[in-house]
Structures are given as structure tokens and as C-alpha cells.
């Protein structure tokens, strides 16, 4: 199971607030444990959820740095100002037990 939380927002995001989370169990999004969903974010996140859930290898995927192998970091596809009125959201992903 993966928990993905909003780590930071650069600019303005109409969907997420800092600390919001999404929970994935394999291919399933656990909606009752998920605060919000955005198509800009999902376009990036869904590339990694299955592989990270099955084989936790964020360092090999370039999603973290040495010394922080317990987290993977991603960002949404919205580039923010000056290109759009939105902003870029940085997500932190961690593997959790099903009981969390």
C-alpha cells in the first residue's frame, strides 16, 4: 500500500492543500482515505504507483536521493506561473502497511 502526501505547492493549486493525501493499494485508489484527486497529478503518479507498490526502488527510479530511500518524490504536470494560472505540487510517497 502506498500513501502519497502533498509535500509542497509552488504557486496556487485549486485541488490540493499541503498535507493532503492519496492512498493506493495496488491498482486501487482507496477513496475513503484519499483527500483529493487531480488529473494533472494522476498523469505523473500513476506511472509509478504499481512498480513502487510491488518493488520499492525509488532511488533506482530517480525519485529520491541517497539517504532518503524511504520516500519517493514526484510533481504534477502543471508548470505554474508564468505558463499557467495554477502551480506545481510536490508529492512525497511512502510504503505503508495495510493497517495504517
PDB file of N, CA and C in Angstrom:
ATOM      1  N   UNK A   1       0.853  -1.165   0.000  1.00  0.00           N
ATOM      2  CA  UNK A   1       0.000   0.000   0.000  1.00  0.00           C
ATOM      3  C   UNK A   1       0.904   1.234   0.000  1.00  0.00           C
ATOM      4  N   UNK A   2       0.500   2.257  -0.745  1.00  0.00           N
ATOM      5  CA  UNK A   2       1.269   3.496  -0.836  1.00  0.00           C
ATOM      6  C   UNK A   2       0.446   4.668  -0.317  1.00  0.00           C
ATOM      7  N   UNK A   3       1.105   5.539   0.422  1.00  0.00           N
ATOM      8  CA  UNK A   3       0.498   6.798   0.850  1.00  0.00           C
ATOM      9  C   UNK A   3       1.282   7.921   0.191  1.00  0.00           C
ATOM     10  N   UNK A   4       0.571   8.783  -0.528  1.00  0.00           N
ATOM     11  CA  UNK A   4       1.203   9.903  -1.210  1.00  0.00           C
ATOM     12  C   UNK A   4       0.624  11.185  -0.621  1.00  0.00           C
ATOM     13  N   UNK A   5       1.501  12.021  -0.070  1.00  0.00           N
ATOM     14  CA  UNK A   5       1.048  13.253   0.567  1.00  0.00           C
ATOM     15  C   UNK A   5       1.604  14.467  -0.171  1.00  0.00           C
ATOM     16  N   UNK A   6       0.882  15.571  -0.061  1.00  0.00           N
ATOM     17  CA  UNK A   6       1.329  16.828  -0.649  1.00  0.00           C
ATOM     18  C   UNK A   6       2.420  17.396   0.248  1.00  0.00           C
ATOM     19  N   UNK A   7       3.629  17.451  -0.290  1.00  0.00           N
ATOM     20  CA  UNK A   7       4.800  17.935   0.433  1.00  0.00           C
ATOM     21  C   UNK A   7       4.915  19.460   0.337  1.00  0.00           C
ATOM     22  N   UNK A   8       4.674  20.000  -0.855  1.00  0.00           N
ATOM     23  CA  UNK A   8       4.808  21.440  -1.078  1.00  0.00           C
ATOM     24  C   UNK A   8       4.002  21.838  -2.307  1.00  0.00           C
ATOM     25  N   UNK A   9       3.643  23.097  -2.367  1.00  0.00           N
ATOM     26  CA  UNK A   9       2.938  23.648  -3.531  1.00  0.00           C
ATOM     27  C   UNK A   9       3.672  24.910  -3.950  1.00  0.00           C
ATOM     28  N   UNK A  10       4.101  24.943  -5.214  1.00  0.00           N
ATOM     29  CA  UNK A  10       4.757  26.125  -5.781  1.00  0.00           C
ATOM     30  C   UNK A  10       3.716  26.843  -6.639  1.00  0.00           C
ATOM     31  N   UNK A  11       3.242  27.962  -6.179  1.00  0.00           N
ATOM     32  CA  UNK A  11       2.163  28.658  -6.884  1.00  0.00           C
ATOM     33  C   UNK A  11       0.834  28.354  -6.218  1.00  0.00           C
ATOM     34  N   UNK A  12      -0.228  28.304  -7.016  1.00  0.00           N
ATOM     35  CA  UNK A  12      -1.583  28.082  -6.498  1.00  0.00           C
ATOM     36  C   UNK A  12      -2.142  26.801  -7.082  1.00  0.00           C
ATOM     37  N   UNK A  13      -2.612  25.908  -6.233  1.00  0.00           N
ATOM     38  CA  UNK A  13      -3.265  24.685  -6.686  1.00  0.00           C
ATOM     39  C   UNK A  13      -4.735  24.743  -6.287  1.00  0.00           C
ATOM     40  N   UNK A  14      -5.650  24.583  -7.267  1.00  0.00           N
ATOM     41  CA  UNK A  14      -7.074  24.638  -6.946  1.00  0.00           C
ATOM     42  C   UNK A  14      -7.608  23.333  -6.335  1.00  0.00           C
ATOM     43  N   UNK A  15      -6.787  22.286  -6.278  1.00  0.00           N
ATOM     44  CA  UNK A  15      -7.255  20.976  -5.816  1.00  0.00           C
ATOM     45  C   UNK A  15      -6.660  20.590  -4.468  1.00  0.00           C
ATOM     46  N   UNK A  16      -5.348  20.720  -4.322  1.00  0.00           N
ATOM     47  CA  UNK A  16      -4.660  20.213  -3.141  1.00  0.00           C
ATOM     48  C   UNK A  16      -4.258  21.305  -2.168  1.00  0.00           C
ATOM     49  N   UNK A  17      -4.146  20.894  -0.908  1.00  0.00           N
ATOM     50  CA  UNK A  17      -3.544  21.692   0.155  1.00  0.00           C
ATOM     51  C   UNK A  17      -2.389  20.890   0.726  1.00  0.00           C
ATOM     52  N   UNK A  18      -1.422  21.573   1.302  1.00  0.00           N
ATOM     53  CA  UNK A  18      -0.292  20.882   1.918  1.00  0.00           C
ATOM     54  C   UNK A  18      -0.810  19.880   2.948  1.00  0.00           C
ATOM     55  N   UNK A  19      -0.284  18.650   2.897  1.00  0.00           N
ATOM     56  CA  UNK A  19      -0.689  17.599   3.818  1.00  0.00           C
ATOM     57  C   UNK A  19      -1.786  16.691   3.295  1.00  0.00           C
ATOM     58  N   UNK A  20      -2.483  17.094   2.233  1.00  0.00           N
ATOM     59  CA  UNK A  20      -3.489  16.202   1.639  1.00  0.00           C
ATOM     60  C   UNK A  20      -2.832  14.890   1.248  1.00  0.00           C
ATOM     61  N   UNK A  21      -3.617  13.817   1.239  1.00  0.00           N
ATOM     62  CA  UNK A  21      -3.025  12.527   0.894  1.00  0.00           C
ATOM     63  C   UNK A  21      -3.923  11.721  -0.028  1.00  0.00           C
ATOM     64  N   UNK A  22      -3.266  10.792  -0.716  1.00  0.00           N
ATOM     65  CA  UNK A  22      -3.918   9.792  -1.555  1.00  0.00           C
ATOM     66  C   UNK A  22      -3.371   8.443  -1.112  1.00  0.00           C
ATOM     67  N   UNK A  23      -4.221   7.426  -1.101  1.00  0.00           N
ATOM     68  CA  UNK A  23      -3.794   6.093  -0.700  1.00  0.00           C
ATOM     69  C   UNK A  23      -4.101   5.124  -1.836  1.00  0.00           C
ATOM     70  N   UNK A  24      -3.090   4.347  -2.191  1.00  0.00           N
ATOM     71  CA  UNK A  24      -3.187   3.365  -3.272  1.00  0.00           C
ATOM     72  C   UNK A  24      -2.910   1.974  -2.722  1.00  0.00           C
ATOM     73  N   UNK A  25      -3.709   1.011  -3.124  1.00  0.00           N
ATOM     74  CA  UNK A  25      -3.470  -0.393  -2.790  1.00  0.00           C
ATOM     75  C   UNK A  25      -3.443  -1.143  -4.110  1.00  0.00           C
ATOM     76  N   UNK A  26      -2.229  -1.371  -4.624  1.00  0.00           N
ATOM     77  CA  UNK A  26      -2.102  -1.950  -5.969  1.00  0.00           C
ATOM     78  C   UNK A  26      -2.722  -0.993  -6.970  1.00  0.00           C
ATOM     79  N   UNK A  27      -3.637  -1.491  -7.814  1.00  0.00           N
ATOM     80  CA  UNK A  27      -4.251  -0.620  -8.816  1.00  0.00           C
ATOM     81  C   UNK A  27      -5.430   0.199  -8.286  1.00  0.00           C
ATOM     82  N   UNK A  28      -5.791  -0.004  -7.015  1.00  0.00           N
ATOM     83  CA  UNK A  28      -6.969   0.650  -6.453  1.00  0.00           C
ATOM     84  C   UNK A  28      -6.603   1.917  -5.682  1.00  0.00           C
ATOM     85  N   UNK A  29      -7.355   2.981  -5.920  1.00  0.00           N
ATOM     86  CA  UNK A  29      -7.251   4.190  -5.112  1.00  0.00           C
ATOM     87  C   UNK A  29      -8.263   4.039  -3.982  1.00  0.00           C
ATOM     88  N   UNK A  30      -7.804   4.093  -2.742  1.00  0.00           N
ATOM     89  CA  UNK A  30      -8.685   3.943  -1.584  1.00  0.00           C
ATOM     90  C   UNK A  30      -9.346   5.303  -1.334  1.00  0.00           C
ATOM     91  N   UNK A  31     -10.524   5.475  -1.895  1.00  0.00           N
ATOM     92  CA  UNK A  31     -11.186   6.779  -1.898  1.00  0.00           C
ATOM     93  C   UNK A  31     -11.515   7.292  -0.503  1.00  0.00           C
ATOM     94  N   UNK A  32     -11.908   6.408   0.415  1.00  0.00           N
ATOM     95  CA  UNK A  32     -12.275   6.882   1.751  1.00  0.00           C
ATOM     96  C   UNK A  32     -11.068   7.399   2.535  1.00  0.00           C
ATOM     97  N   UNK A  33      -9.850   7.060   2.112  1.00  0.00           N
ATOM     98  CA  UNK A  33      -8.630   7.539   2.755  1.00  0.00           C
ATOM     99  C   UNK A  33      -7.909   8.604   1.925  1.00  0.00           C
ATOM    100  N   UNK A  34      -8.544   9.050   0.842  1.00  0.00           N
ATOM    101  CA  UNK A  34      -7.944   9.999  -0.090  1.00  0.00           C
ATOM    102  C   UNK A  34      -8.655  11.348   0.029  1.00  0.00           C
ATOM    103  N   UNK A  35      -7.869  12.406   0.202  1.00  0.00           N
ATOM    104  CA  UNK A  35      -8.450  13.742   0.383  1.00  0.00           C
ATOM    105  C   UNK A  35      -8.902  14.383  -0.918  1.00  0.00           C
ATOM    106  N   UNK A  36      -8.130  14.209  -1.996  1.00  0.00           N
ATOM    107  CA  UNK A  36      -8.449  14.854  -3.272  1.00  0.00           C
ATOM    108  C   UNK A  36      -7.717  14.128  -4.394  1.00  0.00           C
ATOM    109  N   UNK A  37      -8.249  14.261  -5.601  1.00  0.00           N
ATOM    110  CA  UNK A  37      -7.617  13.698  -6.798  1.00  0.00           C
ATOM    111  C   UNK A  37      -7.609  14.756  -7.894  1.00  0.00           C
ATOM    112  N   UNK A  38      -6.514  14.835  -8.619  1.00  0.00           N
ATOM    113  CA  UNK A  38      -6.373  15.788  -9.718  1.00  0.00           C
ATOM    114  C   UNK A  38      -5.789  15.060 -10.919  1.00  0.00           C
ATOM    115  N   UNK A  39      -6.348  15.299 -12.094  1.00  0.00           N
ATOM    116  CA  UNK A  39      -5.852  14.625 -13.294  1.00  0.00           C
ATOM    117  C   UNK A  39      -4.430  15.024 -13.638  1.00  0.00           C
ATOM    118  N   UNK A  40      -4.027  16.262 -13.336  1.00  0.00           N
ATOM    119  CA  UNK A  40      -2.637  16.664 -13.596  1.00  0.00           C
ATOM    120  C   UNK A  40      -1.683  15.832 -12.756  1.00  0.00           C
ATOM    121  N   UNK A  41      -2.046  15.601 -11.503  1.00  0.00           N
ATOM    122  CA  UNK A  41      -1.196  14.811 -10.611  1.00  0.00           C
ATOM    123  C   UNK A  41      -1.220  13.338 -10.997  1.00  0.00           C
ATOM    124  N   UNK A  42      -2.403  12.814 -11.273  1.00  0.00           N
ATOM    125  CA  UNK A  42      -2.512  11.384 -11.586  1.00  0.00           C
ATOM    126  C   UNK A  42      -1.723  11.006 -12.828  1.00  0.00           C
ATOM    127  N   UNK A  43      -1.615  11.919 -13.782  1.00  0.00           N
ATOM    128  CA  UNK A  43      -0.869  11.610 -15.006  1.00  0.00           C
ATOM    129  C   UNK A  43       0.580  11.267 -14.701  1.00  0.00           C
ATOM    130  N   UNK A  44       1.140  11.838 -13.662  1.00  0.00           N
ATOM    131  CA  UNK A  44       2.511  11.529 -13.244  1.00  0.00           C
ATOM    132  C   UNK A  44       2.545  10.368 -12.260  1.00  0.00           C
ATOM    133  N   UNK A  45       1.728  10.429 -11.244  1.00  0.00           N
ATOM    134  CA  UNK A  45       1.759   9.456 -10.155  1.00  0.00           C
ATOM    135  C   UNK A  45       1.478   8.039 -10.643  1.00  0.00           C
ATOM    136  N   UNK A  46       0.510   7.881 -11.528  1.00  0.00           N
ATOM    137  CA  UNK A  46       0.126   6.539 -11.970  1.00  0.00           C
ATOM    138  C   UNK A  46       1.237   5.811 -12.713  1.00  0.00           C
ATOM    139  N   UNK A  47       2.234   6.526 -13.227  1.00  0.00           N
ATOM    140  CA  UNK A  47       3.379   5.882 -13.867  1.00  0.00           C
ATOM    141  C   UNK A  47       4.188   5.066 -12.865  1.00  0.00           C
ATOM    142  N   UNK A  48       4.111   5.435 -11.590  1.00  0.00           N
ATOM    143  CA  UNK A  48       4.980   4.838 -10.574  1.00  0.00           C
ATOM    144  C   UNK A  48       4.274   4.005  -9.522  1.00  0.00           C
ATOM    145  N   UNK A  49       2.965   4.153  -9.324  1.00  0.00           N
ATOM    146  CA  UNK A  49       2.313   3.510  -8.187  1.00  0.00           C
ATOM    147  C   UNK A  49       2.447   1.987  -8.204  1.00  0.00           C
ATOM    148  N   UNK A  50       2.218   1.352  -9.320  1.00  0.00           N
ATOM    149  CA  UNK A  50       2.272  -0.111  -9.352  1.00  0.00           C
ATOM    150  C   UNK A  50       3.676  -0.623  -9.108  1.00  0.00           C
ATOM    151  N   UNK A  51       4.661  -0.054  -9.783  1.00  0.00           N
ATOM    152  CA  UNK A  51       6.032  -0.541  -9.606  1.00  0.00           C
ATOM    153  C   UNK A  51       6.527  -0.271  -8.195  1.00  0.00           C
ATOM    154  N   UNK A  52       6.200   0.877  -7.611  1.00  0.00           N
ATOM    155  CA  UNK A  52       6.636   1.168  -6.245  1.00  0.00           C
ATOM    156  C   UNK A  52       5.911   0.289  -5.229  1.00  0.00           C
ATOM    157  N   UNK A  53       4.651  -0.038  -5.480  1.00  0.00           N
ATOM    158  CA  UNK A  53       3.911  -0.904  -4.571  1.00  0.00           C
ATOM    159  C   UNK A  53       4.478  -2.325  -4.598  1.00  0.00           C
ATOM    160  N   UNK A  54       4.869  -2.785  -5.765  1.00  0.00           N
ATOM    161  CA  UNK A  54       5.401  -4.147  -5.917  1.00  0.00           C
ATOM    162  C   UNK A  54       6.885  -4.243  -5.564  1.00  0.00           C
ATOM    163  N   UNK A  55       7.662  -3.258  -5.984  1.00  0.00           N
ATOM    164  CA  UNK A  55       9.122  -3.267  -5.791  1.00  0.00           C
ATOM    165  C   UNK A  55       9.557  -1.863  -5.391  1.00  0.00           C
ATOM    166  N   UNK A  56       9.758  -1.639  -4.121  1.00  0.00           N
ATOM    167  CA  UNK A  56      10.093  -0.321  -3.610  1.00  0.00           C
ATOM    168  C   UNK A  56      11.535   0.021  -3.996  1.00  0.00           C
ATOM    169  N   UNK A  57      11.715   0.774  -5.110  1.00  0.00           N
ATOM    170  CA  UNK A  57      13.042   1.112  -5.621  1.00  0.00           C
ATOM    171  C   UNK A  57      13.118   2.593  -6.038  1.00  0.00           C
ATOM    172  N   UNK A  58      12.750   3.527  -5.179  1.00  0.00           N
ATOM    173  CA  UNK A  58      12.722   4.935  -5.594  1.00  0.00           C
ATOM    174  C   UNK A  58      14.083   5.484  -5.991  1.00  0.00           C
ATOM    175  N   UNK A  59      15.166   5.027  -5.373  1.00  0.00           N
ATOM    176  CA  UNK A  59      16.486   5.525  -5.727  1.00  0.00           C
ATOM    177  C   UNK A  59      16.838   5.116  -7.154  1.00  0.00           C
ATOM    178  N   UNK A  60      16.574   3.869  -7.521  1.00  0.00           N
ATOM    179  CA  UNK A  60      16.851   3.397  -8.879  1.00  0.00           C
ATOM    180  C   UNK A  60      16.011   4.114  -9.925  1.00  0.00           C
ATOM    181  N   UNK A  61      14.807   4.531  -9.551  1.00  0.00           N
ATOM    182  CA  UNK A  61      13.921   5.248 -10.475  1.00  0.00           C
ATOM    183  C   UNK A  61      14.227   6.738 -10.541  1.00  0.00           C
ATOM    184  N   UNK A  62      15.155   7.212  -9.722  1.00  0.00           N
ATOM    185  CA  UNK A  62      15.485   8.633  -9.694  1.00  0.00           C
ATOM    186  C   UNK A  62      14.453   9.470  -8.976  1.00  0.00           C
ATOM    187  N   UNK A  63      13.709   8.859  -8.031  1.00  0.00           N
ATOM    188  CA  UNK A  63      12.632   9.557  -7.332  1.00  0.00           C
ATOM    189  C   UNK A  63      13.011   9.980  -5.917  1.00  0.00           C
ATOM    190  N   UNK A  64      14.267   9.803  -5.549  1.00  0.00           N
ATOM    191  CA  UNK A  64      14.761  10.235  -4.252  1.00  0.00           C
ATOM    192  C   UNK A  64      16.273  10.376  -4.330  1.00  0.00           C
ATOM    193  N   UNK A  65      16.889  10.714  -3.217  1.00  0.00           N
ATOM    194  CA  UNK A  65      18.354  10.822  -3.172  1.00  0.00           C
ATOM    195  C   UNK A  65      18.876   9.839  -2.124  1.00  0.00           C
ATOM    196  N   UNK A  66      20.152   9.542  -2.207  1.00  0.00           N
ATOM    197  CA  UNK A  66      20.751   8.641  -1.227  1.00  0.00           C
ATOM    198  C   UNK A  66      20.539   9.192   0.171  1.00  0.00           C
ATOM    199  N   UNK A  67      20.214   8.293   1.079  1.00  0.00           N
ATOM    200  CA  UNK A  67      19.944   8.688   2.446  1.00  0.00           C
ATOM    201  C   UNK A  67      18.469   8.922   2.729  1.00  0.00           C
ATOM    202  N   UNK A  68      17.635   8.950   1.706  1.00  0.00           N
ATOM    203  CA  UNK A  68      16.189   9.153   1.876  1.00  0.00           C
ATOM    204  C   UNK A  68      15.423   8.087   1.103  1.00  0.00           C
ATOM    205  N   UNK A  69      15.888   6.850   1.175  1.00  0.00           N
ATOM    206  CA  UNK A  69      15.300   5.768   0.393  1.00  0.00           C
ATOM    207  C   UNK A  69      13.917   5.324   0.865  1.00  0.00           C
ATOM    208  N   UNK A  70      13.424   5.895   1.983  1.00  0.00           N
ATOM    209  CA  UNK A  70      12.094   5.531   2.472  1.00  0.00           C
ATOM    210  C   UNK A  70      10.997   6.360   1.811  1.00  0.00           C
ATOM    211  N   UNK A  71      11.394   7.327   0.964  1.00  0.00           N
ATOM    212  CA  UNK A  71      10.423   8.187   0.290  1.00  0.00           C
ATOM    213  C   UNK A  71      10.731   8.280  -1.198  1.00  0.00           C
ATOM    214  N   UNK A  72       9.687   8.512  -1.977  1.00  0.00           N
ATOM    215  CA  UNK A  72       9.830   8.828  -3.395  1.00  0.00           C
ATOM    216  C   UNK A  72       9.144  10.172  -3.604  1.00  0.00           C
ATOM    217  N   UNK A  73       9.698  11.000  -4.476  1.00  0.00           N
ATOM    218  CA  UNK A  73       9.146  12.326  -4.716  1.00  0.00           C
ATOM    219  C   UNK A  73       8.751  12.476  -6.178  1.00  0.00           C
ATOM    220  N   UNK A  74       7.598  13.115  -6.396  1.00  0.00           N
ATOM    221  CA  UNK A  74       7.071  13.358  -7.740  1.00  0.00           C
ATOM    222  C   UNK A  74       6.423  14.728  -7.749  1.00  0.00           C
ATOM    223  N   UNK A  75       6.141  15.239  -8.945  1.00  0.00           N
ATOM    224  CA  UNK A  75       5.409  16.501  -9.029  1.00  0.00           C
ATOM    225  C   UNK A  75       4.387  16.422 -10.139  1.00  0.00           C
ATOM    226  N   UNK A  76       3.363  17.256 -10.024  1.00  0.00           N
ATOM    227  CA  UNK A  76       2.312  17.263 -11.037  1.00  0.00           C
ATOM    228  C   UNK A  76       2.826  17.893 -12.330  1.00  0.00           C
ATOM    229  N   UNK A  77       2.042  17.769 -13.357  1.00  0.00           N
ATOM    230  CA  UNK A  77       2.455  18.237 -14.682  1.00  0.00           C
ATOM    231  C   UNK A  77       2.189  19.724 -14.927  1.00  0.00           C
ATOM    232  N   UNK A  78       1.466  20.399 -14.039  1.00  0.00           N
ATOM    233  CA  UNK A  78       1.166  21.822 -14.225  1.00  0.00           C
ATOM    234  C   UNK A  78       2.428  22.636 -13.940  1.00  0.00           C
ATOM    235  N   UNK A  79       2.958  23.380 -14.937  1.00  0.00           N
ATOM    236  CA  UNK A  79       4.194  24.123 -14.717  1.00  0.00           C
ATOM    237  C   UNK A  79       4.025  25.382 -13.873  1.00  0.00           C
ATOM    238  N   UNK A  80       2.800  25.870 -13.708  1.00  0.00           N
ATOM    239  CA  UNK A  80       2.571  27.071 -12.915  1.00  0.00           C
ATOM    240  C   UNK A  80       2.990  28.335 -13.645  1.00  0.00           C
ATOM    241  N   UNK A  81       3.061  29.427 -12.893  1.00  0.00           N
ATOM    242  CA  UNK A  81       3.403  30.743 -13.458  1.00  0.00           C
ATOM    243  C   UNK A  81       4.795  30.737 -14.082  1.00  0.00           C
ATOM    244  N   UNK A  82       5.023  31.385 -15.146  1.00  0.00           N
ATOM    245  CA  UNK A  82       4.126  32.273 -15.881  1.00  0.00           C
ATOM    246  C   UNK A  82       3.328  31.557 -16.972  1.00  0.00           C
ATOM    247  N   UNK A  83       3.398  30.251 -17.002  1.00  0.00           N
ATOM    248  CA  UNK A  83       2.797  29.480 -18.097  1.00  0.00           C
ATOM    249  C   UNK A  83       1.327  29.164 -17.881  1.00  0.00           C
ATOM    250  N   UNK A  84       0.919  28.948 -16.625  1.00  0.00           N
ATOM    251  CA  UNK A  84      -0.484  28.683 -16.314  1.00  0.00           C
ATOM    252  C   UNK A  84      -0.851  29.473 -15.063  1.00  0.00           C
ATOM    253  N   UNK A  85      -2.130  29.500 -14.746  1.00  0.00           N
ATOM    254  CA  UNK A  85      -2.603  30.176 -13.534  1.00  0.00           C
ATOM    255  C   UNK A  85      -2.474  29.273 -12.314  1.00  0.00           C
ATOM    256  N   UNK A  86      -2.118  28.011 -12.529  1.00  0.00           N
ATOM    257  CA  UNK A  86      -2.003  27.056 -11.427  1.00  0.00           C
ATOM    258  C   UNK A  86      -0.623  27.040 -10.820  1.00  0.00           C
ATOM    259  N   UNK A  87      -0.270  25.873 -10.301  1.00  0.00           N
ATOM    260  CA  UNK A  87       1.026  25.712  -9.665  1.00  0.00           C
ATOM    261  C   UNK A  87       1.448  24.259  -9.662  1.00  0.00           C
ATOM    262  N   UNK A  88       2.696  24.030  -9.322  1.00  0.00           N
ATOM    263  CA  UNK A  88       3.244  22.690  -9.286  1.00  0.00           C
ATOM    264  C   UNK A  88       3.164  22.140  -7.864  1.00  0.00           C
ATOM    265  N   UNK A  89       2.655  20.925  -7.754  1.00  0.00           N
ATOM    266  CA  UNK A  89       2.550  20.269  -6.454  1.00  0.00           C
ATOM    267  C   UNK A  89       3.629  19.198  -6.364  1.00  0.00           C
ATOM    268  N   UNK A  90       4.358  19.186  -5.250  1.00  0.00           N
ATOM    269  CA  UNK A  90       5.376  18.176  -4.980  1.00  0.00           C
ATOM    270  C   UNK A  90       4.755  17.148  -4.034  1.00  0.00           C
ATOM    271  N   UNK A  91       4.858  15.879  -4.409  1.00  0.00           N
ATOM    272  CA  UNK A  91       4.289  14.795  -3.616  1.00  0.00           C
ATOM    273  C   UNK A  91       5.391  13.947  -3.008  1.00  0.00           C
ATOM    274  N   UNK A  92       5.128  13.451  -1.803  1.00  0.00           N
ATOM    275  CA  UNK A  92       6.035  12.523  -1.117  1.00  0.00           C
ATOM    276  C   UNK A  92       5.288  11.193  -0.959  1.00  0.00           C
ATOM    277  N   UNK A  93       5.894  10.135  -1.436  1.00  0.00           N
ATOM    278  CA  UNK A  93       5.294   8.806  -1.412  1.00  0.00           C
ATOM    279  C   UNK A  93       6.065   7.924  -0.437  1.00  0.00           C
ATOM    280  N   UNK A  94       5.311   7.128   0.322  1.00  0.00           N
ATOM    281  CA  UNK A  94       5.943   6.149   1.184  1.00  0.00           C
ATOM    282  C   UNK A  94       5.119   4.874   1.180  1.00  0.00           C
ATOM    283  N   UNK A  95       5.786   3.771   1.430  1.00  0.00           N
ATOM    284  CA  UNK A  95       5.120   2.485   1.507  1.00  0.00           C
ATOM    285  C   UNK A  95       4.599   2.307   2.935  1.00  0.00           C
ATOM    286  N   UNK A  96       3.342   1.880   3.071  1.00  0.00           N
ATOM    287  CA  UNK A  96       2.731   1.695   4.389  1.00  0.00           C
ATOM    288  C   UNK A  96       2.102   0.310   4.473  1.00  0.00           C
ATOM    289  N   UNK A  97       1.904  -0.159   5.695  1.00  0.00           N
ATOM    290  CA  UNK A  97       1.183  -1.411   5.918  1.00  0.00           C
ATOM    291  C   UNK A  97      -0.289  -1.178   5.656  1.00  0.00           C
ATOM    292  N   UNK A  98      -1.006  -2.232   5.367  1.00  0.00           N
ATOM    293  CA  UNK A  98      -2.438  -2.139   5.116  1.00  0.00           C
ATOM    294  C   UNK A  98      -3.224  -1.625   6.308  1.00  0.00           C
ATOM    295  N   UNK A  99      -2.651  -1.725   7.523  1.00  0.00           N
ATOM    296  CA  UNK A  99      -3.350  -1.291   8.719  1.00  0.00           C
ATOM    297  C   UNK A  99      -3.210   0.184   9.008  1.00  0.00           C
ATOM    298  N   UNK A 100      -2.382   0.922   8.262  1.00  0.00           N
ATOM    299  CA  UNK A 100      -2.171   2.364   8.521  1.00  0.00           C
ATOM    300  C   UNK A 100      -3.327   3.194   8.048  1.00  0.00           C
TER     301      UNK A 100
END
